Amino acid sequence: MKFLSKSMKLGWFGSASILGALVFFAIGIIFWGGFNTAMEATNSLEFCISCHEMEQSVYREYTDTVHYSNRTGVRATCADCHVPKDWVHKIVRKVEASGEIYHKIMGTIDTPEKFEERRLYLANRVWATMKATDSRECRNCHSLDAMSSDAQKPTAKRRHRKALETGETCIDCHKGIAHKDISKFYDPDAIIE
């Protein structure tokens, strides 16, 4: 009898604990779903070009490139090139992007003209990141190993073979592939904040 009354008391506390755990679990699922939905929404092309300085400059440049329109119909969007696919690196990039939002709000790059003034600085940052990550985002779609050398022009074939041998990465040769090419101004020693 003592055992029965003890288990009945524990049963009420056990039920409360289980109920609390289920509520916590449900809240966690809702939070996680909302968080991931927001993460994906900020990866959309519509979100990226919602700032007029992006829509008026880099987006227009991008629409004239092979990443926007090509013979295969595959389109790379902003996030494909600027946001890592894996979760950890994606979170790091999103935290870094909060600095870009800060500069937008503070007026550092809130007009196409101000953006143009900072374009080289911003490009140097992107290029340095791509170099440091071995062009990780490029390699989500492109692989030197998978390229058909038969379909390449002799110069491209030779340069890709050399890149494979020397460990060069995509951005070493392909700066300006999706935006106005300002690569002649690239400064690998530029101080990146």
N, C-alpha and C. Protein backbone atom coordinates (compact mmCIF):
# COMPACT_ATOMS: atom_id res chain seq x y z
N MET A 1 0.82 -1.19 0.00
CA MET A 1 0.00 0.00 0.00
C MET A 1 0.87 1.26 0.00
N LYS A 2 1.94 1.26 0.82
CA LYS A 2 2.84 2.40 0.83
C LYS A 2 3.43 2.60 -0.57
N PHE A 3 3.76 1.51 -1.21
CA PHE A 3 4.34 1.57 -2.56
C PHE A 3 3.35 2.19 -3.54
N LEU A 4 2.10 1.82 -3.46
CA LEU A 4 1.06 2.30 -4.35
C LEU A 4 0.84 3.81 -4.18
N SER A 5 0.76 4.29 -2.94
CA SER A 5 0.53 5.72 -2.74
C SER A 5 1.75 6.54 -3.16
N LYS A 6 2.96 5.98 -2.98
CA LYS A 6 4.18 6.66 -3.40
C LYS A 6 4.21 6.78 -4.92
N SER A 7 3.84 5.73 -5.62
CA SER A 7 3.86 5.76 -7.09
C SER A 7 2.76 6.69 -7.61
N MET A 8 1.66 6.80 -6.88
CA MET A 8 0.61 7.71 -7.30
C MET A 8 1.09 9.15 -7.21
N LYS A 9 1.81 9.49 -6.13
CA LYS A 9 2.37 10.83 -6.00
C LYS A 9 3.39 11.09 -7.10
N LEU A 10 4.26 10.13 -7.33
CA LEU A 10 5.25 10.28 -8.39
C LEU A 10 4.58 10.34 -9.75
N GLY A 11 3.45 9.66 -9.89
CA GLY A 11 2.73 9.67 -11.16
C GLY A 11 2.27 11.07 -11.53
N TRP A 12 1.78 11.84 -10.55
CA TRP A 12 1.35 13.20 -10.84
C TRP A 12 2.53 14.06 -11.26
N PHE A 13 3.64 13.94 -10.50
CA PHE A 13 4.84 14.70 -10.85
C PHE A 13 5.41 14.21 -12.17
N GLY A 14 5.36 12.92 -12.39
CA GLY A 14 5.84 12.35 -13.65
C GLY A 14 5.02 12.84 -14.82
N SER A 15 3.70 12.91 -14.63
CA SER A 15 2.82 13.41 -15.70
C SER A 15 3.12 14.87 -15.99
N ALA A 16 3.33 15.66 -14.94
CA ALA A 16 3.65 17.07 -15.14
C ALA A 16 4.98 17.22 -15.87
N SER A 17 5.93 16.38 -15.52
CA SER A 17 7.23 16.44 -16.18
C SER A 17 7.11 16.06 -17.65
N ILE A 18 6.35 15.03 -17.94
CA ILE A 18 6.15 14.59 -19.32
C ILE A 18 5.41 15.67 -20.10
N LEU A 19 4.37 16.23 -19.49
CA LEU A 19 3.62 17.31 -20.15
C LEU A 19 4.53 18.51 -20.42
N GLY A 20 5.35 18.88 -19.44
CA GLY A 20 6.29 19.99 -19.61
C GLY A 20 7.28 19.71 -20.73
N ALA A 21 7.78 18.48 -20.77
CA ALA A 21 8.72 18.10 -21.82
C ALA A 21 8.06 18.17 -23.19
N LEU A 22 6.80 17.71 -23.28
CA LEU A 22 6.09 17.76 -24.56
C LEU A 22 5.83 19.20 -25.01
N VAL A 23 5.46 20.07 -24.07
CA VAL A 23 5.24 21.48 -24.40
C VAL A 23 6.55 22.11 -24.85
N PHE A 24 7.62 21.85 -24.12
CA PHE A 24 8.94 22.37 -24.49
C PHE A 24 9.34 21.87 -25.88
N PHE A 25 9.10 20.60 -26.14
CA PHE A 25 9.42 19.99 -27.44
C PHE A 25 8.62 20.66 -28.55
N ALA A 26 7.32 20.88 -28.33
CA ALA A 26 6.46 21.52 -29.33
C ALA A 26 6.91 22.95 -29.60
N ILE A 27 7.23 23.68 -28.55
CA ILE A 27 7.73 25.06 -28.72
C ILE A 27 9.04 25.04 -29.49
N GLY A 28 9.89 24.08 -29.19
CA GLY A 28 11.16 23.95 -29.90
C GLY A 28 10.96 23.70 -31.39
N ILE A 29 10.02 22.83 -31.73
CA ILE A 29 9.74 22.54 -33.14
C ILE A 29 9.22 23.79 -33.84
N ILE A 30 8.31 24.51 -33.20
CA ILE A 30 7.76 25.73 -33.78
C ILE A 30 8.86 26.77 -33.97
N PHE A 31 9.70 26.96 -32.96
CA PHE A 31 10.81 27.91 -33.06
C PHE A 31 11.75 27.51 -34.19
N TRP A 32 12.13 26.24 -34.22
CA TRP A 32 13.07 25.75 -35.24
C TRP A 32 12.48 25.92 -36.64
N GLY A 33 11.22 25.60 -36.79
CA GLY A 33 10.56 25.77 -38.09
C GLY A 33 10.52 27.24 -38.50
N GLY A 34 10.20 28.12 -37.59
CA GLY A 34 10.19 29.54 -37.88
C GLY A 34 11.57 30.08 -38.20
N PHE A 35 12.55 29.63 -37.45
CA PHE A 35 13.94 30.04 -37.67
C PHE A 35 14.41 29.62 -39.05
N ASN A 36 14.18 28.35 -39.40
CA ASN A 36 14.60 27.86 -40.71
C ASN A 36 13.83 28.53 -41.85
N THR A 37 12.55 28.81 -41.63
CA THR A 37 11.77 29.51 -42.64
C THR A 37 12.35 30.90 -42.88
N ALA A 38 12.69 31.59 -41.80
CA ALA A 38 13.30 32.92 -41.93
C ALA A 38 14.66 32.84 -42.62
N MET A 39 15.44 31.83 -42.27
CA MET A 39 16.76 31.65 -42.91
C MET A 39 16.60 31.47 -44.42
N GLU A 40 15.67 30.64 -44.82
CA GLU A 40 15.46 30.39 -46.25
C GLU A 40 14.86 31.61 -46.94
N ALA A 41 14.00 32.33 -46.26
CA ALA A 41 13.41 33.54 -46.86
C ALA A 41 14.49 34.57 -47.16
N THR A 42 15.49 34.67 -46.28
CA THR A 42 16.57 35.63 -46.51
C THR A 42 17.55 35.13 -47.57
N ASN A 43 17.36 33.93 -48.07
CA ASN A 43 18.18 33.42 -49.18
C ASN A 43 17.50 33.64 -50.53
N SER A 44 16.29 34.17 -50.53
CA SER A 44 15.56 34.31 -51.78
C SER A 44 16.08 35.50 -52.58
N LEU A 45 15.98 35.41 -53.88
CA LEU A 45 16.37 36.50 -54.76
C LEU A 45 15.56 37.75 -54.45
N GLU A 46 14.28 37.58 -54.16
CA GLU A 46 13.42 38.71 -53.85
C GLU A 46 13.93 39.47 -52.62
N PHE A 47 14.36 38.74 -51.61
CA PHE A 47 14.89 39.39 -50.41
C PHE A 47 16.19 40.13 -50.75
N CYS A 48 17.07 39.48 -51.50
CA CYS A 48 18.37 40.07 -51.81
C CYS A 48 18.24 41.38 -52.58
N ILE A 49 17.29 41.46 -53.48
CA ILE A 49 17.18 42.67 -54.28
C ILE A 49 16.11 43.63 -53.75
N SER A 50 15.65 43.40 -52.55
CA SER A 50 14.64 44.29 -51.96
C SER A 50 15.24 45.67 -51.64
N CYS A 51 16.54 45.76 -51.52
CA CYS A 51 17.20 47.05 -51.34
C CYS A 51 17.42 47.65 -52.73
N HIS A 52 17.01 48.90 -52.94
CA HIS A 52 17.09 49.46 -54.28
C HIS A 52 18.51 49.55 -54.81
N GLU A 53 19.51 49.72 -53.93
CA GLU A 53 20.88 49.78 -54.42
C GLU A 53 21.36 48.43 -54.96
N MET A 54 20.83 47.35 -54.43
CA MET A 54 21.15 46.02 -54.98
C MET A 54 20.40 45.79 -56.29
N GLU A 55 19.14 46.15 -56.29
CA GLU A 55 18.32 45.94 -57.49
C GLU A 55 18.83 46.79 -58.65
N GLN A 56 19.30 48.01 -58.35
CA GLN A 56 19.74 48.93 -59.40
C GLN A 56 21.17 48.66 -59.87
N SER A 57 21.95 47.90 -59.14
CA SER A 57 23.34 47.70 -59.54
C SER A 57 23.67 46.24 -59.76
N VAL A 58 24.01 45.53 -58.70
CA VAL A 58 24.53 44.16 -58.87
C VAL A 58 23.51 43.21 -59.48
N TYR A 59 22.23 43.40 -59.19
CA TYR A 59 21.21 42.53 -59.79
C TYR A 59 21.15 42.73 -61.30
N ARG A 60 21.16 43.98 -61.74
CA ARG A 60 21.11 44.25 -63.19
C ARG A 60 22.33 43.68 -63.89
N GLU A 61 23.49 43.79 -63.25
CA GLU A 61 24.72 43.22 -63.83
C GLU A 61 24.59 41.70 -63.95
N TYR A 62 24.08 41.10 -62.92
CA TYR A 62 23.92 39.64 -62.87
C TYR A 62 22.98 39.13 -63.97
N THR A 63 21.94 39.90 -64.32
CA THR A 63 20.98 39.44 -65.33
C THR A 63 21.60 39.37 -66.72
N ASP A 64 22.79 39.94 -66.89
CA ASP A 64 23.49 39.86 -68.18
C ASP A 64 24.57 38.79 -68.20
N THR A 65 24.55 37.89 -67.22
CA THR A 65 25.61 36.87 -67.14
C THR A 65 25.08 35.46 -67.36
N VAL A 66 26.01 34.55 -67.52
CA VAL A 66 25.68 33.14 -67.72
C VAL A 66 25.07 32.52 -66.47
N HIS A 67 25.28 33.12 -65.32
CA HIS A 67 24.67 32.60 -64.10
C HIS A 67 23.17 32.89 -64.05
N TYR A 68 22.72 33.85 -64.83
CA TYR A 68 21.29 34.19 -64.88
C TYR A 68 20.59 33.47 -66.04
N SER A 69 21.18 33.51 -67.20
CA SER A 69 20.56 32.89 -68.38
C SER A 69 21.62 32.16 -69.18
N ASN A 70 21.34 30.90 -69.49
CA ASN A 70 22.32 30.09 -70.21
C ASN A 70 21.62 28.98 -70.99
N ARG A 71 22.38 28.24 -71.76
CA ARG A 71 21.81 27.20 -72.63
C ARG A 71 21.19 26.05 -71.85
N THR A 72 21.62 25.83 -70.60
CA THR A 72 21.09 24.68 -69.85
C THR A 72 19.88 25.04 -69.00
N GLY A 73 19.62 26.33 -68.82
CA GLY A 73 18.47 26.74 -68.02
C GLY A 73 18.69 26.67 -66.53
N VAL A 74 19.92 26.49 -66.09
CA VAL A 74 20.24 26.45 -64.66
C VAL A 74 20.58 27.87 -64.22
N ARG A 75 19.90 28.37 -63.21
CA ARG A 75 20.14 29.73 -62.73
C ARG A 75 20.68 29.69 -61.31
N ALA A 76 21.80 30.36 -61.12
CA ALA A 76 22.35 30.55 -59.78
C ALA A 76 21.83 31.88 -59.25
N THR A 77 21.33 31.88 -58.04
CA THR A 77 20.85 33.13 -57.44
C THR A 77 21.89 33.64 -56.45
N CYS A 78 21.62 34.77 -55.84
CA CYS A 78 22.56 35.40 -54.91
C CYS A 78 23.05 34.41 -53.84
N ALA A 79 22.12 33.72 -53.22
CA ALA A 79 22.48 32.81 -52.13
C ALA A 79 23.35 31.65 -52.61
N ASP A 80 23.17 31.21 -53.84
CA ASP A 80 23.99 30.11 -54.35
C ASP A 80 25.47 30.48 -54.34
N CYS A 81 25.78 31.74 -54.58
CA CYS A 81 27.17 32.18 -54.63
C CYS A 81 27.66 32.82 -53.33
N HIS A 82 26.75 33.33 -52.53
CA HIS A 82 27.17 34.11 -51.36
C HIS A 82 26.80 33.50 -50.01
N VAL A 83 26.06 32.39 -50.00
CA VAL A 83 25.67 31.76 -48.74
C VAL A 83 26.03 30.27 -48.79
N PRO A 84 26.84 29.81 -47.83
CA PRO A 84 27.20 28.39 -47.81
C PRO A 84 25.96 27.50 -47.65
N LYS A 85 26.05 26.28 -48.14
CA LYS A 85 24.94 25.33 -48.04
C LYS A 85 24.88 24.66 -46.67
N ASP A 86 26.05 24.31 -46.13
CA ASP A 86 26.04 23.59 -44.86
C ASP A 86 25.64 24.54 -43.72
N TRP A 87 24.98 23.97 -42.73
CA TRP A 87 24.33 24.75 -41.69
C TRP A 87 25.29 25.63 -40.89
N VAL A 88 26.40 25.11 -40.44
CA VAL A 88 27.32 25.87 -39.58
C VAL A 88 27.86 27.09 -40.33
N HIS A 89 28.37 26.88 -41.54
CA HIS A 89 28.91 28.00 -42.31
C HIS A 89 27.80 28.96 -42.74
N LYS A 90 26.59 28.45 -42.94
CA LYS A 90 25.46 29.31 -43.29
C LYS A 90 25.14 30.26 -42.12
N ILE A 91 25.13 29.73 -40.91
CA ILE A 91 24.86 30.56 -39.73
C ILE A 91 25.93 31.64 -39.59
N VAL A 92 27.19 31.25 -39.76
CA VAL A 92 28.29 32.22 -39.67
C VAL A 92 28.09 33.33 -40.71
N ARG A 93 27.73 32.96 -41.93
CA ARG A 93 27.52 33.95 -42.99
C ARG A 93 26.34 34.87 -42.67
N LYS A 94 25.28 34.31 -42.09
CA LYS A 94 24.12 35.13 -41.74
C LYS A 94 24.48 36.14 -40.64
N VAL A 95 25.31 35.73 -39.70
CA VAL A 95 25.76 36.66 -38.66
C VAL A 95 26.61 37.77 -39.30
N GLU A 96 27.50 37.39 -40.21
CA GLU A 96 28.30 38.39 -40.93
C GLU A 96 27.39 39.34 -41.72
N ALA A 97 26.34 38.81 -42.31
CA ALA A 97 25.42 39.63 -43.11
C ALA A 97 24.71 40.66 -42.26
N SER A 98 24.61 40.43 -40.96
CA SER A 98 23.98 41.43 -40.10
C SER A 98 24.79 42.73 -40.12
N GLY A 99 26.09 42.64 -40.37
CA GLY A 99 26.92 43.83 -40.52
C GLY A 99 26.54 44.61 -41.77
N GLU A 100 26.16 43.90 -42.82
CA GLU A 100 25.72 44.56 -44.05
C GLU A 100 24.39 45.29 -43.82
N ILE A 101 23.51 44.66 -43.05
CA ILE A 101 22.23 45.30 -42.72
C ILE A 101 22.49 46.54 -41.87
N TYR A 102 23.43 46.43 -40.94
CA TYR A 102 23.82 47.58 -40.11
C TYR A 102 24.26 48.75 -40.99
N HIS A 103 25.13 48.46 -41.97
CA HIS A 103 25.62 49.52 -42.86
C HIS A 103 24.51 50.10 -43.73
N LYS A 104 23.56 49.28 -44.09
CA LYS A 104 22.39 49.76 -44.84
C LYS A 104 21.60 50.73 -43.96
N ILE A 105 21.32 50.32 -42.74
CA ILE A 105 20.53 51.15 -41.81
C ILE A 105 21.28 52.44 -41.46
N MET A 106 22.59 52.34 -41.26
CA MET A 106 23.39 53.51 -40.87
C MET A 106 23.67 54.44 -42.05
N GLY A 107 23.33 54.01 -43.27
CA GLY A 107 23.49 54.88 -44.42
C GLY A 107 24.81 54.77 -45.14
N THR A 108 25.65 53.80 -44.77
CA THR A 108 26.95 53.63 -45.42
C THR A 108 26.80 53.20 -46.88
N ILE A 109 25.80 52.34 -47.15
CA ILE A 109 25.58 51.84 -48.51
C ILE A 109 24.10 51.91 -48.88
N ASP A 110 23.43 52.95 -48.46
CA ASP A 110 21.97 53.00 -48.66
C ASP A 110 21.52 53.62 -49.98
N THR A 111 22.46 53.95 -50.84
CA THR A 111 22.11 54.44 -52.18
C THR A 111 23.02 53.74 -53.19
N PRO A 112 22.61 53.67 -54.44
CA PRO A 112 23.48 53.07 -55.45
C PRO A 112 24.84 53.79 -55.54
N GLU A 113 24.84 55.09 -55.34
CA GLU A 113 26.09 55.85 -55.41
C GLU A 113 27.03 55.48 -54.25
N LYS A 114 26.49 55.38 -53.06
CA LYS A 114 27.31 55.00 -51.90
C LYS A 114 27.80 53.56 -52.05
N PHE A 115 26.93 52.71 -52.61
CA PHE A 115 27.35 51.33 -52.85
C PHE A 115 28.53 51.30 -53.83
N GLU A 116 28.45 52.09 -54.89
CA GLU A 116 29.54 52.13 -55.88
C GLU A 116 30.84 52.61 -55.25
N GLU A 117 30.75 53.57 -54.35
CA GLU A 117 31.94 54.07 -53.66
C GLU A 117 32.62 52.97 -52.85
N ARG A 118 31.84 52.03 -52.34
CA ARG A 118 32.38 50.94 -51.50
C ARG A 118 32.52 49.62 -52.24
N ARG A 119 32.18 49.61 -53.52
CA ARG A 119 32.17 48.37 -54.30
C ARG A 119 33.51 47.63 -54.24
N LEU A 120 34.61 48.30 -54.46
CA LEU A 120 35.90 47.62 -54.45
C LEU A 120 36.19 47.02 -53.08
N TYR A 121 35.92 47.76 -52.03
CA TYR A 121 36.12 47.23 -50.68
C TYR A 121 35.27 45.98 -50.47
N LEU A 122 33.99 46.06 -50.85
CA LEU A 122 33.09 44.92 -50.68
C LEU A 122 33.52 43.73 -51.54
N ALA A 123 33.93 44.02 -52.78
CA ALA A 123 34.40 42.94 -53.66
C ALA A 123 35.64 42.27 -53.10
N ASN A 124 36.58 43.07 -52.60
CA ASN A 124 37.80 42.49 -52.00
C ASN A 124 37.44 41.56 -50.85
N ARG A 125 36.44 41.93 -50.06
CA ARG A 125 36.01 41.06 -48.95
C ARG A 125 35.45 39.74 -49.46
N VAL A 126 34.58 39.84 -50.47
CA VAL A 126 33.98 38.62 -51.03
C VAL A 126 35.06 37.74 -51.66
N TRP A 127 35.95 38.34 -52.43
CA TRP A 127 37.00 37.56 -53.08
C TRP A 127 37.94 36.91 -52.06
N ALA A 128 38.28 37.64 -51.00
CA ALA A 128 39.15 37.07 -49.96
C ALA A 128 38.46 35.89 -49.27
N THR A 129 37.17 36.02 -49.03
CA THR A 129 36.42 34.92 -48.41
C THR A 129 36.39 33.72 -49.33
N MET A 130 36.11 33.97 -50.61
CA MET A 130 36.06 32.85 -51.56
C MET A 130 37.42 32.16 -51.67
N LYS A 131 38.48 32.93 -51.68
CA LYS A 131 39.83 32.35 -51.72
C LYS A 131 40.08 31.52 -50.46
N ALA A 132 39.73 32.06 -49.31
CA ALA A 132 39.97 31.37 -48.04
C ALA A 132 39.16 30.08 -47.91
N THR A 133 38.01 30.02 -48.56
CA THR A 133 37.16 28.83 -48.46
C THR A 133 37.29 27.92 -49.68
N ASP A 134 38.33 28.14 -50.49
CA ASP A 134 38.57 27.35 -51.69
C ASP A 134 37.34 27.40 -52.62
N SER A 135 36.76 28.58 -52.71
CA SER A 135 35.58 28.81 -53.57
C SER A 135 34.48 27.79 -53.29
N ARG A 136 34.22 27.57 -52.02
CA ARG A 136 33.26 26.56 -51.57
C ARG A 136 31.90 26.69 -52.26
N GLU A 137 31.38 27.92 -52.35
CA GLU A 137 30.06 28.08 -52.96
C GLU A 137 30.10 27.79 -54.47
N CYS A 138 31.19 28.15 -55.14
CA CYS A 138 31.32 27.81 -56.57
C CYS A 138 31.27 26.29 -56.74
N ARG A 139 31.95 25.60 -55.84
CA ARG A 139 32.07 24.14 -55.94
C ARG A 139 30.78 23.40 -55.59
N ASN A 140 29.78 24.13 -55.10
CA ASN A 140 28.48 23.49 -54.92
C ASN A 140 27.91 23.08 -56.28
N CYS A 141 28.28 23.82 -57.32
CA CYS A 141 27.79 23.52 -58.67
C CYS A 141 28.89 23.08 -59.62
N HIS A 142 30.10 23.59 -59.43
CA HIS A 142 31.20 23.33 -60.37
C HIS A 142 32.28 22.48 -59.72
N SER A 143 32.83 21.56 -60.49
CA SER A 143 33.93 20.74 -60.01
C SER A 143 34.91 20.54 -61.16
N LEU A 144 36.19 20.84 -60.92
CA LEU A 144 37.19 20.64 -61.97
C LEU A 144 37.22 19.19 -62.43
N ASP A 145 37.05 18.27 -61.49
CA ASP A 145 37.07 16.85 -61.82
C ASP A 145 35.93 16.45 -62.76
N ALA A 146 34.78 17.12 -62.61
CA ALA A 146 33.59 16.75 -63.38
C ALA A 146 33.47 17.51 -64.70
N MET A 147 34.32 18.49 -64.91
CA MET A 147 34.23 19.26 -66.15
C MET A 147 34.62 18.42 -67.35
N SER A 148 33.88 18.55 -68.41
CA SER A 148 34.17 17.84 -69.65
C SER A 148 35.19 18.66 -70.43
N SER A 149 36.43 18.21 -70.44
CA SER A 149 37.47 18.97 -71.14
C SER A 149 37.22 18.99 -72.65
N ASP A 150 36.50 18.00 -73.15
CA ASP A 150 36.19 17.97 -74.59
C ASP A 150 35.30 19.14 -74.99
N ALA A 151 34.49 19.64 -74.08
CA ALA A 151 33.57 20.74 -74.38
C ALA A 151 34.21 22.11 -74.15
N GLN A 152 35.45 22.12 -73.65
CA GLN A 152 36.12 23.38 -73.36
C GLN A 152 37.03 23.81 -74.51
N LYS A 153 37.19 25.11 -74.62
CA LYS A 153 38.15 25.64 -75.60
C LYS A 153 39.55 25.30 -75.10
N PRO A 154 40.53 25.23 -75.98
CA PRO A 154 41.89 24.85 -75.57
C PRO A 154 42.47 25.70 -74.44
N THR A 155 42.22 27.00 -74.45
CA THR A 155 42.74 27.86 -73.38
C THR A 155 42.11 27.51 -72.04
N ALA A 156 40.80 27.34 -72.02
CA ALA A 156 40.11 26.98 -70.78
C ALA A 156 40.59 25.62 -70.28
N LYS A 157 40.73 24.68 -71.19
CA LYS A 157 41.19 23.34 -70.82
C LYS A 157 42.57 23.43 -70.16
N ARG A 158 43.47 24.18 -70.76
CA ARG A 158 44.83 24.33 -70.24
C ARG A 158 44.81 25.01 -68.86
N ARG A 159 44.02 26.08 -68.73
CA ARG A 159 43.98 26.81 -67.46
C ARG A 159 43.34 25.99 -66.34
N HIS A 160 42.32 25.23 -66.66
CA HIS A 160 41.69 24.38 -65.64
C HIS A 160 42.64 23.26 -65.20
N ARG A 161 43.36 22.70 -66.14
CA ARG A 161 44.34 21.65 -65.79
C ARG A 161 45.41 22.24 -64.88
N LYS A 162 45.91 23.45 -65.22
CA LYS A 162 46.93 24.11 -64.40
C LYS A 162 46.37 24.41 -63.00
N ALA A 163 45.14 24.90 -62.94
CA ALA A 163 44.52 25.19 -61.64
C ALA A 163 44.43 23.94 -60.78
N LEU A 164 44.08 22.83 -61.39
CA LEU A 164 43.99 21.57 -60.66
C LEU A 164 45.37 21.16 -60.13
N GLU A 165 46.40 21.34 -60.94
CA GLU A 165 47.76 20.97 -60.55
C GLU A 165 48.33 21.89 -59.47
N THR A 166 48.02 23.18 -59.56
CA THR A 166 48.63 24.16 -58.64
C THR A 166 47.77 24.47 -57.42
N GLY A 167 46.56 23.93 -57.39
CA GLY A 167 45.69 24.16 -56.24
C GLY A 167 45.01 25.52 -56.26
N GLU A 168 44.93 26.13 -57.43
CA GLU A 168 44.21 27.39 -57.51
C GLU A 168 42.73 27.12 -57.31
N THR A 169 42.03 28.18 -56.96
CA THR A 169 40.60 28.05 -56.74
C THR A 169 39.84 28.91 -57.75
N CYS A 170 38.57 28.68 -57.88
CA CYS A 170 37.75 29.33 -58.92
C CYS A 170 37.94 30.84 -58.96
N ILE A 171 37.92 31.48 -57.79
CA ILE A 171 37.96 32.94 -57.73
C ILE A 171 39.29 33.50 -58.17
N ASP A 172 40.33 32.68 -58.22
CA ASP A 172 41.62 33.17 -58.70
C ASP A 172 41.52 33.68 -60.14
N CYS A 173 40.66 33.07 -60.94
CA CYS A 173 40.52 33.45 -62.35
C CYS A 173 39.16 34.06 -62.69
N HIS A 174 38.16 33.81 -61.88
CA HIS A 174 36.80 34.17 -62.26
C HIS A 174 36.19 35.31 -61.45
N LYS A 175 37.00 36.29 -61.07
CA LYS A 175 36.44 37.49 -60.43
C LYS A 175 35.62 38.23 -61.47
N GLY A 176 34.51 38.78 -61.08
CA GLY A 176 33.68 39.54 -62.01
C GLY A 176 32.82 38.67 -62.92
N ILE A 177 32.67 37.40 -62.59
CA ILE A 177 31.89 36.50 -63.43
C ILE A 177 30.39 36.78 -63.38
N ALA A 178 29.92 37.36 -62.29
CA ALA A 178 28.47 37.60 -62.16
C ALA A 178 28.13 39.07 -61.94
N HIS A 179 29.14 39.91 -61.82
CA HIS A 179 28.92 41.34 -61.60
C HIS A 179 29.93 42.13 -62.41
N LYS A 180 29.83 43.44 -62.37
CA LYS A 180 30.77 44.29 -63.11
C LYS A 180 32.19 43.87 -62.73
N ASP A 181 33.00 43.67 -63.75
CA ASP A 181 34.37 43.19 -63.51
C ASP A 181 35.28 44.35 -63.10
N ILE A 182 35.61 44.37 -61.83
CA ILE A 182 36.55 45.37 -61.31
C ILE A 182 37.81 44.66 -60.80
N SER A 183 38.03 43.45 -61.30
CA SER A 183 39.12 42.62 -60.79
C SER A 183 40.50 43.24 -61.03
N LYS A 184 40.63 44.13 -62.01
CA LYS A 184 41.94 44.75 -62.23
C LYS A 184 42.35 45.61 -61.03
N PHE A 185 41.38 45.94 -60.19
CA PHE A 185 41.66 46.73 -58.99
C PHE A 185 41.83 45.86 -57.75
N TYR A 186 41.78 44.56 -57.93
CA TYR A 186 41.87 43.64 -56.79
C TYR A 186 43.17 43.83 -56.04
N ASP A 187 43.07 43.88 -54.75
CA ASP A 187 44.25 44.03 -53.89
C ASP A 187 44.24 42.91 -52.86
N PRO A 188 45.04 41.85 -53.09
CA PRO A 188 45.03 40.73 -52.14
C PRO A 188 45.54 41.11 -50.76
N ASP A 189 46.20 42.23 -50.66
CA ASP A 189 46.73 42.68 -49.37
C ASP A 189 45.83 43.70 -48.69
N ALA A 190 44.66 43.95 -49.30
CA ALA A 190 43.73 44.93 -48.70
C ALA A 190 43.34 44.46 -47.32
N ILE A 191 43.23 45.40 -46.42
CA ILE A 191 42.84 45.08 -45.04
C ILE A 191 41.34 44.78 -45.05
N ILE A 192 40.97 43.61 -44.60
CA ILE A 192 39.58 43.20 -44.54
C ILE A 192 39.15 43.27 -43.08
N GLU A 193 38.17 44.12 -42.79
CA GLU A 193 37.67 44.27 -41.41
C GLU A 193 36.86 43.07 -41.01
